[in-house]
C-alpha atoms as a PDB file:
ATOM      1  CA  MET A   1     124.936 107.624 103.125  1.00  0.00           C
ATOM      2  CA  ARG A   2     127.710 108.055 100.651  1.00  0.00           C
ATOM      3  CA  ASP A   3     126.312 110.993  98.694  1.00  0.00           C
ATOM      4  CA  LEU A   4     124.428 113.471 100.797  1.00  0.00           C
ATOM      5  CA  PRO A   5     121.879 115.587  98.960  1.00  0.00           C
ATOM      6  CA  LYS A   6     123.235 118.982  97.956  1.00  0.00           C
ATOM      7  CA  GLY A   7     120.296 120.628  99.613  1.00  0.00           C
ATOM      8  CA  ILE A   8     116.735 120.608 100.794  1.00  0.00           C
ATOM      9  CA  GLY A   9     114.396 122.955  99.008  1.00  0.00           C
ATOM     10  CA  TRP A  10     111.793 124.055 101.516  1.00  0.00           C
ATOM     11  CA  THR A  11     108.919 125.012  99.289  1.00  0.00           C
ATOM     12  CA  SER A  12     105.181 125.488  99.147  1.00  0.00           C
ATOM     13  CA  GLU A  13     102.846 122.662  98.188  1.00  0.00           C
ATOM     14  CA  GLU A  14     101.874 124.580  95.051  1.00  0.00           C
ATOM     15  CA  LEU A  15     105.457 124.984  93.830  1.00  0.00           C
ATOM     16  CA  ALA A  16     106.343 121.378  94.704  1.00  0.00           C
ATOM     17  CA  THR A  17     103.388 119.928  92.821  1.00  0.00           C
ATOM     18  CA  ALA A  18     102.984 122.356  89.916  1.00  0.00           C
ATOM     19  CA  ILE A  19     106.388 123.853  89.125  1.00  0.00           C
ATOM     20  CA  PHE A  20     109.095 121.455  90.358  1.00  0.00           C
ATOM     21  CA  SER A  21     107.024 118.325  89.700  1.00  0.00           C
ATOM     22  CA  GLN A  22     103.647 117.270  88.358  1.00  0.00           C
ATOM     23  CA  ILE A  23     103.151 114.634  91.073  1.00  0.00           C
ATOM     24  CA  PRO A  24     100.523 115.652  93.662  1.00  0.00           C
ATOM     25  CA  ILE A  25     102.828 114.929  96.627  1.00  0.00           C
ATOM     26  CA  PRO A  26     104.834 117.899  97.948  1.00  0.00           C
ATOM     27  CA  ALA A  27     107.939 115.869  98.804  1.00  0.00           C
ATOM     28  CA  PHE A  28     110.346 114.233  96.387  1.00  0.00           C
ATOM     29  CA  THR A  29     113.981 113.808  95.514  1.00  0.00           C
ATOM     30  CA  ASN A  30     115.192 115.109  92.175  1.00  0.00           C
ATOM     31  CA  LYS A  31     118.755 113.906  91.598  1.00  0.00           C
ATOM     32  CA  ASP A  32     120.692 115.502  94.435  1.00  0.00           C
ATOM     33  CA  THR A  33     118.063 117.866  95.872  1.00  0.00           C
ATOM     34  CA  ILE A  34     115.126 117.128  98.139  1.00  0.00           C
ATOM     35  CA  TYR A  35     112.023 119.267  97.737  1.00  0.00           C
ATOM     36  CA  ILE A  36     109.475 119.301 100.537  1.00  0.00           C
ATOM     37  CA  SER A  37     106.714 121.480 101.881  1.00  0.00           C
ATOM     38  CA  PRO A  38     107.019 121.925 105.657  1.00  0.00           C
ATOM     39  CA  ASP A  39     103.370 123.088 105.913  1.00  0.00           C
ATOM     40  CA  LEU A  40     101.821 120.630 108.391  1.00  0.00           C
ATOM     41  CA  SER A  41      98.277 121.912 107.883  1.00  0.00           C
ATOM     42  CA  GLY A  42      98.672 121.461 104.126  1.00  0.00           C
ATOM     43  CA  TRP A  43      99.884 117.888 104.619  1.00  0.00           C
ATOM     44  CA  ARG A  44      96.910 117.172 106.876  1.00  0.00           C
ATOM     45  CA  LYS A  45      94.447 118.341 104.207  1.00  0.00           C
ATOM     46  CA  LEU A  46      96.301 116.451 101.500  1.00  0.00           C
ATOM     47  CA  LEU A  47      96.344 113.193 103.454  1.00  0.00           C
ATOM     48  CA  VAL A  48      92.643 113.466 104.348  1.00  0.00           C
ATOM     49  CA  SER A  49      91.951 113.814 100.611  1.00  0.00           C
ATOM     50  CA  GLN A  50      93.372 110.293 100.136  1.00  0.00           C
ATOM     51  CA  LEU A  51      90.103 109.009 101.568  1.00  0.00           C
ATOM     52  CA  GLU A  52      88.360 109.970  98.306  1.00  0.00           C
ATOM     53  CA  GLY A  53      85.004 110.641  99.946  1.00  0.00           C
ATOM     54  CA  HIS A  54      85.175 107.779 102.459  1.00  0.00           C
ATOM     55  CA  GLU A  55      85.682 110.196 105.375  1.00  0.00           C
ATOM     56  CA  ASN A  56      82.253 109.511 106.885  1.00  0.00           C
ATOM     57  CA  ASP A  57      82.675 105.741 106.499  1.00  0.00           C
ATOM     58  CA  HIS A  58      86.047 105.811 108.290  1.00  0.00           C
ATOM     59  CA  PRO A  59      86.096 108.681 110.811  1.00  0.00           C
ATOM     60  CA  SER A  60      89.125 107.240 112.648  1.00  0.00           C
ATOM     61  CA  LEU A  61      91.211 107.482 109.469  1.00  0.00           C
ATOM     62  CA  LYS A  62      90.078 111.047 108.875  1.00  0.00           C
ATOM     63  CA  GLU A  63      90.876 111.931 112.491  1.00  0.00           C
ATOM     64  CA  PHE A  64      94.332 110.386 112.231  1.00  0.00           C
ATOM     65  CA  TYR A  65      95.234 112.425 109.157  1.00  0.00           C
ATOM     66  CA  GLU A  66      93.652 115.619 110.523  1.00  0.00           C
ATOM     67  CA  ASN A  67      95.855 115.296 113.597  1.00  0.00           C
ATOM     68  CA  MET A  68      99.079 114.323 111.867  1.00  0.00           C
ATOM     69  CA  LEU A  69     102.011 115.098 114.138  1.00  0.00           C
ATOM     70  CA  GLN A  70     105.146 117.047 113.274  1.00  0.00           C
ATOM     71  CA  ASN A  71     107.320 113.934 113.644  1.00  0.00           C
ATOM     72  CA  GLN A  72     105.199 112.169 111.016  1.00  0.00           C
ATOM     73  CA  LEU A  73     106.142 114.981 108.654  1.00  0.00           C
ATOM     74  CA  LEU A  74     109.741 114.370 109.696  1.00  0.00           C
ATOM     75  CA  THR A  75     109.397 110.764 108.470  1.00  0.00           C
ATOM     76  CA  ILE A  76     108.502 112.097 105.021  1.00  0.00           C
ATOM     77  CA  LEU A  77     111.765 114.035 104.978  1.00  0.00           C
ATOM     78  CA  GLY A  78     113.517 110.949 106.405  1.00  0.00           C
ATOM     79  CA  HIS A  79     112.102 108.902 103.525  1.00  0.00           C
ATOM     80  CA  GLN A  80     113.639 111.333 101.028  1.00  0.00           C
ATOM     81  CA  LEU A  81     116.998 111.300 102.821  1.00  0.00           C
ATOM     82  CA  THR A  82     117.014 107.496 102.881  1.00  0.00           C
ATOM     83  CA  HIS A  83     116.955 107.458  99.066  1.00  0.00           C
ATOM     84  CA  HIS A  84     120.564 108.686  99.283  1.00  0.00           C
ATOM     85  CA  SER A  85     121.710 105.577 101.167  1.00  0.00           C
ATOM     86  CA  ASN A  86     124.544 103.601  99.613  1.00  0.00           C
ATOM     87  CA  LEU A  87     122.575 100.444 100.466  1.00  0.00           C
ATOM     88  CA  PHE A  88     120.454 100.901  97.347  1.00  0.00           C
ATOM     89  CA  VAL A  89     121.685  99.771  93.940  1.00  0.00           C
ATOM     90  CA  ASP A  90     122.095 102.851  91.756  1.00  0.00           C
ATOM     91  CA  GLU A  91     121.406 101.253  88.410  1.00  0.00           C
ATOM     92  CA  ARG A  92     118.186  99.482  89.394  1.00  0.00           C
ATOM     93  CA  GLU A  93     115.215 100.843  87.481  1.00  0.00           C
ATOM     94  CA  ASP A  94     112.830  97.948  87.988  1.00  0.00           C
ATOM     95  CA  SER A  95     111.135  96.862  91.179  1.00  0.00           C
ATOM     96  CA  ILE A  96     111.366 100.279  92.772  1.00  0.00           C
ATOM     97  CA  TRP A  97     108.800  99.123  95.322  1.00  0.00           C
ATOM     98  CA  PHE A  98     111.634  97.762  97.462  1.00  0.00           C
ATOM     99  CA  GLU A  99     113.477 101.064  97.711  1.00  0.00           C
ATOM    100  CA  GLU A 100     110.289 103.055  98.291  1.00  0.00           C
ATOM    101  CA  GLY A 101     109.039 100.620 100.930  1.00  0.00           C
ATOM    102  CA  MET A 102     112.429 100.482 102.630  1.00  0.00           C
ATOM    103  CA  CYS A 103     112.653 104.283 102.712  1.00  0.00           C
ATOM    104  CA  ASP A 104     109.279 104.413 104.455  1.00  0.00           C
ATOM    105  CA  TYR A 105     110.160 101.589 106.817  1.00  0.00           C
ATOM    106  CA  LEU A 106     113.548 102.930 107.925  1.00  0.00           C
ATOM    107  CA  ALA A 107     112.369 106.515 108.328  1.00  0.00           C
ATOM    108  CA  ARG A 108     109.395 105.428 110.393  1.00  0.00           C
ATOM    109  CA  LYS A 109     111.246 102.815 112.424  1.00  0.00           C
ATOM    110  CA  TYR A 110     113.940 105.266 113.486  1.00  0.00           C
ATOM    111  CA  LEU A 111     111.930 108.485 113.786  1.00  0.00           C
ATOM    112  CA  LEU A 112     108.676 107.278 115.364  1.00  0.00           C
ATOM    113  CA  ASN A 113     108.184 105.616 118.706  1.00  0.00           C
ATOM    114  CA  SER A 114     106.677 102.113 118.706  1.00  0.00           C
ATOM    115  CA  VAL A 115     103.118 103.357 119.343  1.00  0.00           C
ATOM    116  CA  GLU A 116     103.330 105.812 116.423  1.00  0.00           C
ATOM    117  CA  PHE A 117     104.935 103.194 114.177  1.00  0.00           C
ATOM    118  CA  ASN A 118     102.197 100.672 114.978  1.00  0.00           C
ATOM    119  CA  LYS A 119      99.493 103.294 114.417  1.00  0.00           C
ATOM    120  CA  ILE A 120     100.714 104.271 110.942  1.00  0.00           C
ATOM    121  CA  THR A 121     100.950 100.564 110.109  1.00  0.00           C
ATOM    122  CA  GLU A 122      97.348 100.074 111.238  1.00  0.00           C
ATOM    123  CA  ILE A 123      96.133 103.129 109.302  1.00  0.00           C
ATOM    124  CA  GLU A 124      97.833 102.127 106.065  1.00  0.00           C
ATOM    125  CA  SER A 125      96.593  98.545 106.402  1.00  0.00           C
ATOM    126  CA  LYS A 126      93.058  99.936 106.550  1.00  0.00           C
ATOM    127  CA  MET A 127      93.726 102.164 103.549  1.00  0.00           C
ATOM    128  CA  ILE A 128      94.920  99.146 101.569  1.00  0.00           C
ATOM    129  CA  GLU A 129      91.735  97.279 102.481  1.00  0.00           C
ATOM    130  CA  ILE A 130      89.530 100.187 101.417  1.00  0.00           C
ATOM    131  CA  PHE A 131      91.234 100.733  98.060  1.00  0.00           C
ATOM    132  CA  LYS A 132      92.523  97.286  97.051  1.00  0.00           C
ATOM    133  CA  THR A 133      89.653  96.648  94.644  1.00  0.00           C
ATOM    134  CA  LYS A 134      90.059 100.030  92.979  1.00  0.00           C
ATOM    135  CA  TYR A 135      93.875 100.247  92.851  1.00  0.00           C
ATOM    136  CA  GLY A 136      95.289  96.833  93.682  1.00  0.00           C
ATOM    137  CA  ASN A 137      95.073  94.962  90.410  1.00  0.00           C
ATOM    138  CA  HIS A 138      98.792  94.956  89.658  1.00  0.00           C
ATOM    139  CA  SER A 139     102.021  93.496  90.968  1.00  0.00           C
ATOM    140  CA  LEU A 140     104.304  95.499  93.239  1.00  0.00           C
ATOM    141  CA  ASP A 141     106.924  95.125  90.501  1.00  0.00           C
ATOM    142  CA  GLU A 142     104.784  97.555  88.508  1.00  0.00           C
ATOM    143  CA  PHE A 143     105.078 100.225  91.235  1.00  0.00           C
ATOM    144  CA  GLY A 144     104.383 103.612  89.737  1.00  0.00           C
ATOM    145  CA  LYS A 145     103.679 102.312  86.232  1.00  0.00           C
ATOM    146  CA  PHE A 146      99.970 103.082  86.506  1.00  0.00           C
ATOM    147  CA  SER A 147      99.657 104.960  89.778  1.00  0.00           C
ATOM    148  CA  TYR A 148     101.539 108.094  88.721  1.00  0.00           C
ATOM    149  CA  GLN A 149      98.996 108.561  85.951  1.00  0.00           C
ATOM    150  CA  GLY A 150      96.216 108.677  88.536  1.00  0.00           C
ATOM    151  CA  GLY A 151      95.510 110.760  91.569  1.00  0.00           C
ATOM    152  CA  LEU A 152      97.009 110.918  95.018  1.00  0.00           C
ATOM    153  CA  THR A 153      95.369 107.765  96.371  1.00  0.00           C
ATOM    154  CA  SER A 154      96.434 105.603  93.439  1.00  0.00           C
ATOM    155  CA  ILE A 155     100.012 106.794  93.970  1.00  0.00           C
ATOM    156  CA  MET A 156      99.937 106.280  97.726  1.00  0.00           C
ATOM    157  CA  PHE A 157      98.405 102.820  97.357  1.00  0.00           C
ATOM    158  CA  ASP A 158     101.709 101.501  95.970  1.00  0.00           C
ATOM    159  CA  TYR A 159     103.639 103.175  98.803  1.00  0.00           C
ATOM    160  CA  TRP A 160     101.362 101.605 101.425  1.00  0.00           C
ATOM    161  CA  ARG A 161     101.743  98.144  99.908  1.00  0.00           C
ATOM    162  CA  SER A 162     105.503  98.534  99.518  1.00  0.00           C
ATOM    163  CA  PHE A 163     105.880  99.566 103.156  1.00  0.00           C
ATOM    164  CA  MET A 164     103.846  96.538 104.270  1.00  0.00           C
ATOM    165  CA  ALA A 165     105.877  94.185 102.063  1.00  0.00           C
ATOM    166  CA  VAL A 166     109.204  95.499 103.387  1.00  0.00           C
ATOM    167  CA  LYS A 167     107.904  95.392 106.963  1.00  0.00           C
ATOM    168  CA  TYR A 168     106.996  91.715 106.443  1.00  0.00           C
ATOM    169  CA  LEU A 169     110.393  90.933 104.911  1.00  0.00           C
ATOM    170  CA  ILE A 170     112.269  92.548 107.794  1.00  0.00           C
ATOM    171  CA  GLU A 171     110.138  91.639 110.769  1.00  0.00           C
ATOM    172  CA  VAL A 172     108.920  88.168 109.788  1.00  0.00           C
ATOM    173  CA  LEU A 173     111.290  86.653 107.253  1.00  0.00           C
ATOM    174  CA  ALA A 174     114.522  88.284 108.506  1.00  0.00           C
ATOM    175  CA  ASN A 175     113.681  88.330 112.221  1.00  0.00           C
ATOM    176  CA  HIS A 176     114.018  92.155 112.409  1.00  0.00           C
ATOM    177  CA  ASN A 177     117.433  92.172 110.724  1.00  0.00           C
ATOM    178  CA  VAL A 178     117.419  94.882 108.062  1.00  0.00           C
ATOM    179  CA  MET A 179     120.856  93.895 106.759  1.00  0.00           C
ATOM    180  CA  VAL A 180     119.700  90.335 105.978  1.00  0.00           C
ATOM    181  CA  VAL A 181     117.061  91.854 103.695  1.00  0.00           C
ATOM    182  CA  PHE A 182     119.609  94.180 102.067  1.00  0.00           C
ATOM    183  CA  ASP A 183     121.979  91.239 101.505  1.00  0.00           C
ATOM    184  CA  GLU A 184     119.236  89.404  99.621  1.00  0.00           C
ATOM    185  CA  TYR A 185     118.372  92.563  97.699  1.00  0.00           C
ATOM    186  CA  HIS A 186     121.989  92.897  96.553  1.00  0.00           C
ATOM    187  CA  LYS A 187     122.034  89.291  95.369  1.00  0.00           C
END
């Protein structure tokens, strides 16, 4: 990281999503400050709500989100910190899916153990399957273009897909070498 954030604003979900931002996710980076709610029970409720009424159809997904661990919350903070990496091109405004997916991938790869990493991958793969018909009718290059106008699940759908795309790039195409992927990104 070349430019560390000036601070982390520990805040409530309400302030993060109604005052500091209008996005329904209580964690984001705004220029040089990270805002995040550390309320684990609030995150659990929020993430269960992504199921949009499919809780009874997918009890294992509901159970996973209801039992979210503290270190999974840490990966959300890690995601925000990773945005400050000098490996990302500052002037890029298109194809933000790569940066968002890479921030998820790196935070999870370094902060979760392999069982936890594989479990979140499995969970988000299932979420993509459930919601691909409803939210998956656009290219990853259009990340955020439509989703931020919708609700939580439409927003998260692009994050899930971006994480899976970056995971594929790193683990399959680059043989687990993150820097090979960044070299291509810079080209």
